[in-house]
Amino acid sequence: MYETHIFLDFEMNPIPRDFREAREIARAEIVEIGAVKLDREYRLVDRYSRFVKPEYGPIQPHITRLTGITDADVADALPF
């Protein structure tokens, strides 16, 4: 049916409660964007991964345990 398929994956970090206005919009912010492009038989064609610098604080310890993403990984990344 389709020639290619693209799957997206976002890794998120919770926004601390101190940032009330931001938390009214979202409870977490993107800290990594990942994607894969597959052909019609679901074979890998290309991949993409980019860290995003969080605006609302450091990477939470439980997020590092879950994803492996650290503050050092996102330190030089561009903000969303």
N, C-alpha and C. Protein backbone atom coordinates (compact mmCIF):
# COMPACT_ATOMS: atom_id res chain seq x y z
N MET A 1 0.82 -1.19 0.00
CA MET A 1 0.00 0.00 0.00
C MET A 1 0.86 1.26 0.00
N TYR A 2 1.82 1.36 0.94
CA TYR A 2 2.72 2.50 0.99
C TYR A 2 4.12 2.07 0.57
N GLU A 3 4.85 2.98 -0.07
CA GLU A 3 6.21 2.69 -0.49
C GLU A 3 7.19 2.73 0.68
N THR A 4 6.94 3.63 1.62
CA THR A 4 7.79 3.75 2.80
C THR A 4 6.95 3.96 4.05
N HIS A 5 7.54 3.64 5.18
CA HIS A 5 6.90 3.84 6.48
C HIS A 5 7.90 4.58 7.36
N ILE A 6 7.41 5.54 8.12
CA ILE A 6 8.27 6.27 9.05
C ILE A 6 7.68 6.12 10.44
N PHE A 7 8.52 5.68 11.37
CA PHE A 7 8.11 5.53 12.76
C PHE A 7 8.90 6.52 13.60
N LEU A 8 8.20 7.28 14.43
CA LEU A 8 8.81 8.29 15.30
C LEU A 8 8.79 7.81 16.74
N ASP A 9 9.80 8.24 17.48
CA ASP A 9 9.88 7.93 18.91
C ASP A 9 10.40 9.17 19.62
N PHE A 10 9.73 9.57 20.68
CA PHE A 10 10.14 10.72 21.48
C PHE A 10 10.48 10.27 22.88
N GLU A 11 11.64 10.65 23.36
CA GLU A 11 11.98 10.43 24.76
C GLU A 11 11.68 11.74 25.49
N MET A 12 11.05 11.61 26.65
CA MET A 12 10.55 12.78 27.37
C MET A 12 11.16 12.86 28.76
N ASN A 13 11.23 14.10 29.27
CA ASN A 13 11.71 14.37 30.62
C ASN A 13 10.62 15.19 31.31
N PRO A 14 10.21 14.83 32.53
CA PRO A 14 9.16 15.58 33.21
C PRO A 14 9.56 17.05 33.44
N ILE A 15 8.58 17.93 33.30
CA ILE A 15 8.78 19.35 33.63
C ILE A 15 8.54 19.49 35.13
N PRO A 16 9.51 20.05 35.87
CA PRO A 16 9.34 20.21 37.32
C PRO A 16 8.11 21.07 37.67
N ARG A 17 7.52 20.79 38.81
CA ARG A 17 6.31 21.51 39.24
C ARG A 17 6.54 23.01 39.40
N ASP A 18 7.80 23.42 39.57
CA ASP A 18 8.10 24.86 39.71
C ASP A 18 7.67 25.66 38.48
N PHE A 19 7.61 25.01 37.33
CA PHE A 19 7.26 25.67 36.08
C PHE A 19 5.77 25.47 35.79
N ARG A 20 4.95 26.16 36.57
CA ARG A 20 3.49 25.95 36.53
C ARG A 20 2.89 26.23 35.16
N GLU A 21 3.29 27.33 34.54
CA GLU A 21 2.71 27.68 33.24
C GLU A 21 3.03 26.61 32.19
N ALA A 22 4.25 26.16 32.17
CA ALA A 22 4.64 25.12 31.21
C ALA A 22 3.88 23.83 31.49
N ARG A 23 3.70 23.48 32.76
CA ARG A 23 3.01 22.23 33.12
C ARG A 23 1.52 22.29 32.79
N GLU A 24 0.97 23.48 32.65
CA GLU A 24 -0.43 23.59 32.22
C GLU A 24 -0.57 23.15 30.75
N ILE A 25 0.51 23.28 30.01
CA ILE A 25 0.50 22.90 28.59
C ILE A 25 0.91 21.44 28.42
N ALA A 26 1.98 21.04 29.13
CA ALA A 26 2.49 19.67 29.01
C ALA A 26 3.19 19.27 30.30
N ARG A 27 3.16 18.02 30.64
CA ARG A 27 3.82 17.52 31.85
C ARG A 27 5.27 17.13 31.61
N ALA A 28 5.65 17.00 30.33
CA ALA A 28 7.01 16.57 30.00
C ALA A 28 7.45 17.26 28.70
N GLU A 29 8.77 17.31 28.51
CA GLU A 29 9.30 17.90 27.29
C GLU A 29 10.20 16.89 26.57
N ILE A 30 10.30 17.06 25.28
CA ILE A 30 11.09 16.16 24.44
C ILE A 30 12.57 16.38 24.71
N VAL A 31 13.32 15.29 24.93
CA VAL A 31 14.77 15.37 25.09
C VAL A 31 15.51 14.54 24.03
N GLU A 32 14.78 13.72 23.29
CA GLU A 32 15.37 13.01 22.15
C GLU A 32 14.29 12.69 21.14
N ILE A 33 14.62 12.89 19.86
CA ILE A 33 13.74 12.54 18.76
C ILE A 33 14.43 11.42 17.98
N GLY A 34 13.71 10.34 17.77
CA GLY A 34 14.24 9.25 16.98
C GLY A 34 13.25 8.86 15.91
N ALA A 35 13.75 8.39 14.78
CA ALA A 35 12.87 7.95 13.70
C ALA A 35 13.59 6.90 12.87
N VAL A 36 12.81 6.02 12.28
CA VAL A 36 13.33 5.08 11.30
C VAL A 36 12.43 5.14 10.07
N LYS A 37 13.06 4.98 8.90
CA LYS A 37 12.33 4.90 7.64
C LYS A 37 12.51 3.49 7.12
N LEU A 38 11.39 2.84 6.81
CA LEU A 38 11.39 1.46 6.33
C LEU A 38 10.77 1.41 4.95
N ASP A 39 11.19 0.44 4.15
CA ASP A 39 10.58 0.26 2.83
C ASP A 39 9.27 -0.52 2.97
N ARG A 40 8.66 -0.84 1.86
CA ARG A 40 7.34 -1.49 1.93
C ARG A 40 7.40 -2.87 2.56
N GLU A 41 8.57 -3.51 2.58
CA GLU A 41 8.74 -4.80 3.25
C GLU A 41 9.28 -4.62 4.67
N TYR A 42 9.26 -3.40 5.16
CA TYR A 42 9.70 -3.06 6.52
C TYR A 42 11.19 -3.29 6.75
N ARG A 43 11.98 -3.13 5.70
CA ARG A 43 13.44 -3.16 5.84
C ARG A 43 13.93 -1.75 6.08
N LEU A 44 14.94 -1.63 6.93
CA LEU A 44 15.49 -0.33 7.27
C LEU A 44 16.08 0.37 6.06
N VAL A 45 15.64 1.62 5.84
CA VAL A 45 16.16 2.45 4.76
C VAL A 45 17.06 3.54 5.34
N ASP A 46 16.62 4.16 6.44
CA ASP A 46 17.37 5.24 7.05
C ASP A 46 16.94 5.38 8.50
N ARG A 47 17.75 6.09 9.26
CA ARG A 47 17.41 6.35 10.66
C ARG A 47 17.84 7.75 11.04
N TYR A 48 17.22 8.28 12.10
CA TYR A 48 17.50 9.63 12.57
C TYR A 48 17.43 9.63 14.09
N SER A 49 18.35 10.36 14.72
CA SER A 49 18.33 10.52 16.17
C SER A 49 18.94 11.87 16.51
N ARG A 50 18.26 12.61 17.36
CA ARG A 50 18.76 13.92 17.75
C ARG A 50 18.35 14.22 19.19
N PHE A 51 19.34 14.62 20.00
CA PHE A 51 19.03 15.07 21.35
C PHE A 51 18.49 16.49 21.29
N VAL A 52 17.65 16.83 22.27
CA VAL A 52 17.06 18.16 22.39
C VAL A 52 17.38 18.67 23.80
N LYS A 53 17.90 19.88 23.89
CA LYS A 53 18.25 20.45 25.20
C LYS A 53 16.98 20.83 25.95
N PRO A 54 16.79 20.30 27.15
CA PRO A 54 15.59 20.64 27.93
C PRO A 54 15.63 22.10 28.40
N GLU A 55 14.47 22.72 28.42
CA GLU A 55 14.36 24.10 28.87
C GLU A 55 14.07 24.20 30.37
N TYR A 56 13.51 23.14 30.96
CA TYR A 56 12.97 23.24 32.30
C TYR A 56 13.70 22.43 33.35
N GLY A 57 14.97 22.24 33.19
CA GLY A 57 15.72 21.57 34.23
C GLY A 57 16.50 20.38 33.71
N PRO A 58 17.26 19.75 34.60
CA PRO A 58 18.10 18.62 34.21
C PRO A 58 17.28 17.36 33.93
N ILE A 59 17.95 16.40 33.31
CA ILE A 59 17.33 15.09 33.08
C ILE A 59 17.12 14.43 34.44
N GLN A 60 15.92 13.98 34.69
CA GLN A 60 15.60 13.34 35.96
C GLN A 60 16.30 11.98 36.06
N PRO A 61 16.76 11.61 37.26
CA PRO A 61 17.47 10.33 37.42
C PRO A 61 16.70 9.12 36.90
N HIS A 62 15.39 9.08 37.11
CA HIS A 62 14.64 7.92 36.63
C HIS A 62 14.56 7.89 35.10
N ILE A 63 14.66 9.04 34.46
CA ILE A 63 14.68 9.08 32.99
C ILE A 63 16.03 8.56 32.49
N THR A 64 17.11 8.91 33.18
CA THR A 64 18.43 8.37 32.82
C THR A 64 18.44 6.86 32.98
N ARG A 65 17.85 6.34 34.07
CA ARG A 65 17.80 4.89 34.26
C ARG A 65 16.98 4.21 33.17
N LEU A 66 15.90 4.85 32.77
CA LEU A 66 15.00 4.27 31.77
C LEU A 66 15.56 4.35 30.35
N THR A 67 16.15 5.50 29.99
CA THR A 67 16.55 5.75 28.61
C THR A 67 18.06 5.75 28.38
N GLY A 68 18.82 5.97 29.44
CA GLY A 68 20.26 6.12 29.31
C GLY A 68 20.68 7.53 28.95
N ILE A 69 19.73 8.44 28.77
CA ILE A 69 20.04 9.83 28.41
C ILE A 69 20.50 10.58 29.67
N THR A 70 21.62 11.29 29.54
CA THR A 70 22.18 12.05 30.67
C THR A 70 22.22 13.54 30.33
N ASP A 71 22.50 14.34 31.35
CA ASP A 71 22.66 15.78 31.12
C ASP A 71 23.81 16.05 30.15
N ALA A 72 24.85 15.24 30.22
CA ALA A 72 25.98 15.41 29.30
C ALA A 72 25.55 15.18 27.85
N ASP A 73 24.63 14.25 27.62
CA ASP A 73 24.15 13.98 26.26
C ASP A 73 23.45 15.19 25.65
N VAL A 74 22.70 15.91 26.45
CA VAL A 74 21.89 17.02 25.94
C VAL A 74 22.55 18.39 26.13
N ALA A 75 23.71 18.43 26.77
CA ALA A 75 24.36 19.70 27.11
C ALA A 75 24.61 20.58 25.90
N ASP A 76 25.03 20.01 24.78
CA ASP A 76 25.34 20.80 23.58
C ASP A 76 24.23 20.74 22.53
N ALA A 77 23.11 20.14 22.87
CA ALA A 77 22.01 20.02 21.93
C ALA A 77 21.28 21.35 21.77
N LEU A 78 20.59 21.50 20.65
CA LEU A 78 19.76 22.68 20.44
C LEU A 78 18.45 22.53 21.20
N PRO A 79 17.87 23.62 21.68
CA PRO A 79 16.54 23.53 22.30
C PRO A 79 15.48 23.23 21.24
N PHE A 80 14.34 22.75 21.67
CA PHE A 80 13.27 22.40 20.75
C PHE A 80 12.82 23.63 20.00
